[in-house]
All heavy atoms as atom14 arrays in JSON, in Angstrom:
{
  "sequence": "GLVQAGGSLRLSCAASGRTFSSYYMGWFRQ",
  "atom14_mask": [
    [1, 1, 1, 1, 0, 0, 0, 0, 0, 0, 0, 0, 0, 0],
    [1, 1, 1, 1, 1, 1, 1, 1, 0, 0, 0, 0, 0, 0],
    [1, 1, 1, 1, 1, 1, 1, 0, 0, 0, 0, 0, 0, 0],
    [1, 1, 1, 1, 1, 1, 1, 1, 1, 0, 0, 0, 0, 0],
    [1, 1, 1, 1, 1, 0, 0, 0, 0, 0, 0, 0, 0, 0],
    [1, 1, 1, 1, 0, 0, 0, 0, 0, 0, 0, 0, 0, 0],
    [1, 1, 1, 1, 0, 0, 0, 0, 0, 0, 0, 0, 0, 0],
    [1, 1, 1, 1, 1, 1, 0, 0, 0, 0, 0, 0, 0, 0],
    [1, 1, 1, 1, 1, 1, 1, 1, 0, 0, 0, 0, 0, 0],
    [1, 1, 1, 1, 1, 1, 1, 1, 1, 1, 1, 0, 0, 0],
    [1, 1, 1, 1, 1, 1, 1, 1, 0, 0, 0, 0, 0, 0],
    [1, 1, 1, 1, 1, 1, 0, 0, 0, 0, 0, 0, 0, 0],
    [1, 1, 1, 1, 1, 1, 0, 0, 0, 0, 0, 0, 0, 0],
    [1, 1, 1, 1, 1, 0, 0, 0, 0, 0, 0, 0, 0, 0],
    [1, 1, 1, 1, 1, 0, 0, 0, 0, 0, 0, 0, 0, 0],
    [1, 1, 1, 1, 1, 1, 0, 0, 0, 0, 0, 0, 0, 0],
    [1, 1, 1, 1, 0, 0, 0, 0, 0, 0, 0, 0, 0, 0],
    [1, 1, 1, 1, 1, 1, 1, 1, 1, 1, 1, 0, 0, 0],
    [1, 1, 1, 1, 1, 1, 1, 0, 0, 0, 0, 0, 0, 0],
    [1, 1, 1, 1, 1, 1, 1, 1, 1, 1, 1, 0, 0, 0],
    [1, 1, 1, 1, 1, 1, 0, 0, 0, 0, 0, 0, 0, 0],
    [1, 1, 1, 1, 1, 1, 0, 0, 0, 0, 0, 0, 0, 0],
    [1, 1, 1, 1, 1, 1, 1, 1, 1, 1, 1, 1, 0, 0],
    [1, 1, 1, 1, 1, 1, 1, 1, 1, 1, 1, 1, 0, 0],
    [1, 1, 1, 1, 1, 1, 1, 1, 0, 0, 0, 0, 0, 0],
    [1, 1, 1, 1, 0, 0, 0, 0, 0, 0, 0, 0, 0, 0],
    [1, 1, 1, 1, 1, 1, 1, 1, 1, 1, 1, 1, 1, 1],
    [1, 1, 1, 1, 1, 1, 1, 1, 1, 1, 1, 0, 0, 0],
    [1, 1, 1, 1, 1, 1, 1, 1, 1, 1, 1, 0, 0, 0],
    [1, 1, 1, 1, 1, 1, 1, 1, 1, 0, 0, 0, 0, 0]
  ],
  "atom14_positions": [
    [[-72.84, 5.57, -2.77], [-73.06, 5.12, -1.42], [-72.2, 5.86, -0.43], [-71.62, 6.89, -0.73], [0.0, 0.0, 0.0], [0.0, 0.0, 0.0], [0.0, 0.0, 0.0], [0.0, 0.0, 0.0], [0.0, 0.0, 0.0], [0.0, 0.0, 0.0], [0.0, 0.0, 0.0], [0.0, 0.0, 0.0], [0.0, 0.0, 0.0], [0.0, 0.0, 0.0]],
    [[-72.13, 5.3, 0.78], [-71.34, 5.87, 1.86], [-70.06, 5.07, 2.02], [-70.09, 3.84, 2.08], [-72.14, 5.85, 3.17], [-71.41, 6.28, 4.43], [-71.03, 7.76, 4.35], [-72.29, 6.02, 5.65], [0.0, 0.0, 0.0], [0.0, 0.0, 0.0], [0.0, 0.0, 0.0], [0.0, 0.0, 0.0], [0.0, 0.0, 0.0], [0.0, 0.0, 0.0]],
    [[-68.94, 5.77, 2.08], [-67.66, 5.11, 2.2], [-66.75, 5.93, 3.11], [-66.88, 7.15, 3.2], [-67.01, 4.92, 0.81], [-66.68, 6.27, 0.17], [-65.78, 4.05, 0.87], [0.0, 0.0, 0.0], [0.0, 0.0, 0.0], [0.0, 0.0, 0.0], [0.0, 0.0, 0.0], [0.0, 0.0, 0.0], [0.0, 0.0, 0.0], [0.0, 0.0, 0.0]],
    [[-65.85, 5.25, 3.8], [-64.87, 5.92, 4.65], [-63.78, 6.57, 3.8], [-63.48, 6.11, 2.7], [-64.22, 4.92, 5.6], [-65.14, 4.35, 6.66], [-65.17, 5.19, 7.9], [-65.68, 6.32, 7.89], [-64.64, 4.67, 8.98], [0.0, 0.0, 0.0], [0.0, 0.0, 0.0], [0.0, 0.0, 0.0], [0.0, 0.0, 0.0], [0.0, 0.0, 0.0]],
    [[-63.2, 7.63, 4.32], [-62.08, 8.26, 3.64], [-60.99, 7.24, 3.37], [-60.66, 6.42, 4.23], [-61.53, 9.42, 4.47], [0.0, 0.0, 0.0], [0.0, 0.0, 0.0], [0.0, 0.0, 0.0], [0.0, 0.0, 0.0], [0.0, 0.0, 0.0], [0.0, 0.0, 0.0], [0.0, 0.0, 0.0], [0.0, 0.0, 0.0], [0.0, 0.0, 0.0]],
    [[-60.44, 7.28, 2.16], [-59.45, 6.31, 1.75], [-60.02, 5.09, 1.05], [-59.27, 4.3, 0.47], [0.0, 0.0, 0.0], [0.0, 0.0, 0.0], [0.0, 0.0, 0.0], [0.0, 0.0, 0.0], [0.0, 0.0, 0.0], [0.0, 0.0, 0.0], [0.0, 0.0, 0.0], [0.0, 0.0, 0.0], [0.0, 0.0, 0.0], [0.0, 0.0, 0.0]],
    [[-61.33, 4.95, 1.08], [-61.98, 3.83, 0.46], [-62.23, 4.03, -1.02], [-61.82, 5.03, -1.61], [0.0, 0.0, 0.0], [0.0, 0.0, 0.0], [0.0, 0.0, 0.0], [0.0, 0.0, 0.0], [0.0, 0.0, 0.0], [0.0, 0.0, 0.0], [0.0, 0.0, 0.0], [0.0, 0.0, 0.0], [0.0, 0.0, 0.0], [0.0, 0.0, 0.0]],
    [[-62.95, 3.08, -1.62], [-63.19, 3.09, -3.06], [-64.65, 2.84, -3.38], [-65.37, 2.17, -2.63], [-62.35, 2.01, -3.75], [-60.96, 2.23, -3.58], [0.0, 0.0, 0.0], [0.0, 0.0, 0.0], [0.0, 0.0, 0.0], [0.0, 0.0, 0.0], [0.0, 0.0, 0.0], [0.0, 0.0, 0.0], [0.0, 0.0, 0.0], [0.0, 0.0, 0.0]],
    [[-65.08, 3.38, -4.51], [-66.38, 3.11, -5.08], [-66.24, 3.03, -6.59], [-65.36, 3.67, -7.17], [-67.4, 4.2, -4.74], [-67.97, 4.26, -3.33], [-68.82, 5.52, -3.18], [-68.81, 3.02, -3.04], [0.0, 0.0, 0.0], [0.0, 0.0, 0.0], [0.0, 0.0, 0.0], [0.0, 0.0, 0.0], [0.0, 0.0, 0.0], [0.0, 0.0, 0.0]],
    [[-67.11, 2.27, -7.22], [-67.16, 2.2, -8.67], [-68.55, 2.58, -9.15], [-69.52, 1.87, -8.86], [-66.81, 0.8, -9.17], [-66.64, 0.72, -10.69], [-66.63, -0.72, -11.15], [-66.19, -0.87, -12.53], [-66.47, -1.91, -13.29], [-67.17, -2.91, -12.81], [-66.02, -1.97, -14.53], [0.0, 0.0, 0.0], [0.0, 0.0, 0.0], [0.0, 0.0, 0.0]],
    [[-68.64, 3.68, -9.86], [-69.9, 4.13, -10.42], [-70.08, 3.57, -11.82], [-69.12, 3.44, -12.58], [-69.97, 5.65, -10.47], [-69.71, 6.41, -9.17], [-69.93, 7.9, -9.39], [-70.59, 5.89, -8.05], [0.0, 0.0, 0.0], [0.0, 0.0, 0.0], [0.0, 0.0, 0.0], [0.0, 0.0, 0.0], [0.0, 0.0, 0.0], [0.0, 0.0, 0.0]],
    [[-71.32, 3.25, -12.16], [-71.66, 2.78, -13.49], [-72.74, 3.67, -14.09], [-73.59, 4.18, -13.36], [-72.15, 1.33, -13.46], [-71.15, 0.46, -12.99], [0.0, 0.0, 0.0], [0.0, 0.0, 0.0], [0.0, 0.0, 0.0], [0.0, 0.0, 0.0], [0.0, 0.0, 0.0], [0.0, 0.0, 0.0], [0.0, 0.0, 0.0], [0.0, 0.0, 0.0]],
    [[-72.7, 3.83, -15.39], [-73.72, 4.58, -16.11], [-74.15, 3.74, -17.29], [-73.39, 3.55, -18.25], [-73.17, 5.93, -16.58], [-74.3, 6.88, -17.61], [0.0, 0.0, 0.0], [0.0, 0.0, 0.0], [0.0, 0.0, 0.0], [0.0, 0.0, 0.0], [0.0, 0.0, 0.0], [0.0, 0.0, 0.0], [0.0, 0.0, 0.0], [0.0, 0.0, 0.0]],
    [[-75.36, 3.22, -17.22], [-75.91, 2.38, -18.27], [-76.7, 3.23, -19.25], [-77.55, 4.02, -18.84], [-76.79, 1.29, -17.67], [0.0, 0.0, 0.0], [0.0, 0.0, 0.0], [0.0, 0.0, 0.0], [0.0, 0.0, 0.0], [0.0, 0.0, 0.0], [0.0, 0.0, 0.0], [0.0, 0.0, 0.0], [0.0, 0.0, 0.0], [0.0, 0.0, 0.0]],
    [[-76.44, 3.04, -20.53], [-77.08, 3.83, -21.58], [-78.01, 2.95, -22.41], [-77.69, 1.81, -22.72], [-76.04, 4.47, -22.49], [0.0, 0.0, 0.0], [0.0, 0.0, 0.0], [0.0, 0.0, 0.0], [0.0, 0.0, 0.0], [0.0, 0.0, 0.0], [0.0, 0.0, 0.0], [0.0, 0.0, 0.0], [0.0, 0.0, 0.0], [0.0, 0.0, 0.0]],
    [[-79.14, 3.51, -22.77], [-80.09, 2.82, -23.64], [-79.75, 3.07, -25.09], [-78.97, 3.97, -25.43], [-81.51, 3.27, -23.33], [-81.69, 4.64, -23.66], [0.0, 0.0, 0.0], [0.0, 0.0, 0.0], [0.0, 0.0, 0.0], [0.0, 0.0, 0.0], [0.0, 0.0, 0.0], [0.0, 0.0, 0.0], [0.0, 0.0, 0.0], [0.0, 0.0, 0.0]],
    [[-80.37, 2.3, -25.97], [-80.21, 2.51, -27.4], [-78.98, 1.84, -27.98], [-78.18, 1.23, -27.27], [0.0, 0.0, 0.0], [0.0, 0.0, 0.0], [0.0, 0.0, 0.0], [0.0, 0.0, 0.0], [0.0, 0.0, 0.0], [0.0, 0.0, 0.0], [0.0, 0.0, 0.0], [0.0, 0.0, 0.0], [0.0, 0.0, 0.0], [0.0, 0.0, 0.0]],
    [[-78.82, 2.01, -29.27], [-77.71, 1.38, -29.99], [-76.7, 2.38, -30.52], [-75.84, 2.02, -31.32], [-78.26, 0.53, -31.14], [-79.04, 1.3, -32.18], [-79.54, 0.37, -33.28], [-80.55, -0.56, -32.79], [-81.11, -1.5, -33.55], [-80.77, -1.63, -34.82], [-82.03, -2.32, -33.03], [0.0, 0.0, 0.0], [0.0, 0.0, 0.0], [0.0, 0.0, 0.0]],
    [[-76.77, 3.63, -30.08], [-75.88, 4.68, -30.55], [-74.9, 5.16, -29.48], [-74.32, 6.23, -29.62], [-76.68, 5.88, -31.08], [-77.5, 6.41, -30.03], [-77.55, 5.47, -32.25], [0.0, 0.0, 0.0], [0.0, 0.0, 0.0], [0.0, 0.0, 0.0], [0.0, 0.0, 0.0], [0.0, 0.0, 0.0], [0.0, 0.0, 0.0], [0.0, 0.0, 0.0]],
    [[-74.7, 4.37, -28.44], [-73.84, 4.78, -27.33], [-72.44, 5.15, -27.8], [-71.86, 6.13, -27.33], [-73.78, 3.66, -26.29], [-72.82, 3.93, -25.16], [-73.13, 4.84, -24.17], [-71.6, 3.27, -25.1], [-72.25, 5.09, -23.12], [-70.72, 3.51, -24.07], [-71.05, 4.42, -23.08], [0.0, 0.0, 0.0], [0.0, 0.0, 0.0], [0.0, 0.0, 0.0]],
    [[-71.9, 4.38, -28.72], [-70.53, 4.62, -29.17], [-70.36, 5.93, -29.93], [-69.23, 6.36, -30.17], [-70.05, 3.45, -30.04], [-70.85, 3.32, -31.2], [0.0, 0.0, 0.0], [0.0, 0.0, 0.0], [0.0, 0.0, 0.0], [0.0, 0.0, 0.0], [0.0, 0.0, 0.0], [0.0, 0.0, 0.0], [0.0, 0.0, 0.0], [0.0, 0.0, 0.0]],
    [[-71.46, 6.58, -30.31], [-71.4, 7.85, -31.02], [-71.18, 9.04, -30.09], [-70.92, 10.14, -30.56], [-72.68, 8.07, -31.82], [-72.86, 7.07, -32.8], [0.0, 0.0, 0.0], [0.0, 0.0, 0.0], [0.0, 0.0, 0.0], [0.0, 0.0, 0.0], [0.0, 0.0, 0.0], [0.0, 0.0, 0.0], [0.0, 0.0, 0.0], [0.0, 0.0, 0.0]],
    [[-71.3, 8.84, -28.79], [-71.27, 9.93, -27.84], [-69.96, 10.03, -27.07], [-69.37, 9.02, -26.69], [-72.41, 9.79, -26.83], [-73.78, 9.96, -27.43], [-74.52, 8.86, -27.82], [-74.33, 11.23, -27.59], [-75.78, 9.02, -28.38], [-75.58, 11.39, -28.14], [-76.31, 10.28, -28.54], [-77.55, 10.45, -29.08], [0.0, 0.0, 0.0], [0.0, 0.0, 0.0]],
    [[-69.54, 11.26, -26.85], [-68.56, 11.55, -25.83], [-69.28, 11.47, -24.48], [-70.43, 11.9, -24.35], [-67.96, 12.93, -26.0], [-67.2, 13.11, -27.29], [-67.86, 13.43, -28.48], [-65.82, 12.98, -27.32], [-67.16, 13.59, -29.66], [-65.11, 13.15, -28.5], [-65.79, 13.45, -29.66], [-65.09, 13.62, -30.84], [0.0, 0.0, 0.0], [0.0, 0.0, 0.0]],
    [[-68.61, 10.94, -23.47], [-69.22, 10.76, -22.17], [-68.46, 11.52, -21.09], [-67.24, 11.69, -21.18], [-69.28, 9.28, -21.79], [-70.05, 8.41, -22.78], [-71.8, 8.88, -22.91], [-72.36, 8.54, -21.23], [0.0, 0.0, 0.0], [0.0, 0.0, 0.0], [0.0, 0.0, 0.0], [0.0, 0.0, 0.0], [0.0, 0.0, 0.0], [0.0, 0.0, 0.0]],
    [[-69.18, 11.95, -20.09], [-68.55, 12.66, -18.98], [-69.19, 12.34, -17.65], [-70.35, 11.92, -17.59], [0.0, 0.0, 0.0], [0.0, 0.0, 0.0], [0.0, 0.0, 0.0], [0.0, 0.0, 0.0], [0.0, 0.0, 0.0], [0.0, 0.0, 0.0], [0.0, 0.0, 0.0], [0.0, 0.0, 0.0], [0.0, 0.0, 0.0], [0.0, 0.0, 0.0]],
    [[-68.4, 12.5, -16.61], [-68.89, 12.44, -15.24], [-68.77, 13.83, -14.62], [-67.7, 14.44, -14.68], [-68.12, 11.43, -14.39], [-68.43, 10.0, -14.67], [-67.74, 9.14, -15.45], [-69.54, 9.26, -14.13], [-68.33, 7.91, -15.44], [-69.43, 7.95, -14.65], [-70.59, 9.57, -13.28], [-70.35, 6.95, -14.34], [-71.5, 8.58, -12.97], [-71.38, 7.29, -13.49]],
    [[-69.85, 14.3, -14.06], [-69.91, 15.58, -13.37], [-70.31, 15.33, -11.92], [-70.88, 14.3, -11.58], [-70.92, 16.52, -14.03], [-70.54, 16.96, -15.41], [-70.63, 16.09, -16.49], [-70.09, 18.25, -15.64], [-70.29, 16.49, -17.77], [-69.75, 18.67, -16.91], [-69.84, 17.8, -17.98], [0.0, 0.0, 0.0], [0.0, 0.0, 0.0], [0.0, 0.0, 0.0]],
    [[-70.03, 16.3, -11.07], [-70.47, 16.2, -9.69], [-70.91, 17.56, -9.17], [-70.43, 18.6, -9.62], [-69.38, 15.6, -8.79], [-68.15, 16.48, -8.61], [-67.1, 15.74, -7.79], [-65.91, 16.54, -7.58], [-64.81, 16.1, -6.99], [-64.75, 14.84, -6.55], [-63.77, 16.9, -6.83], [0.0, 0.0, 0.0], [0.0, 0.0, 0.0], [0.0, 0.0, 0.0]],
    [[-71.81, 17.52, -8.22], [-72.32, 18.75, -7.62], [-72.5, 18.54, -6.12], [-73.29, 17.71, -5.69], [-73.64, 19.16, -8.25], [-74.13, 20.52, -7.79], [-75.25, 21.05, -8.67], [-75.95, 20.29, -9.33], [-75.42, 22.36, -8.67], [0.0, 0.0, 0.0], [0.0, 0.0, 0.0], [0.0, 0.0, 0.0], [0.0, 0.0, 0.0], [0.0, 0.0, 0.0]]
  ]
}
């Protein structure tokens, strides 16, 4: 979303399936 400088946001990434714990996870930005 849109936030002022100095503010906060919390991003979530929901995964399907039952093998989530098998994966390394990363956040990228562009």
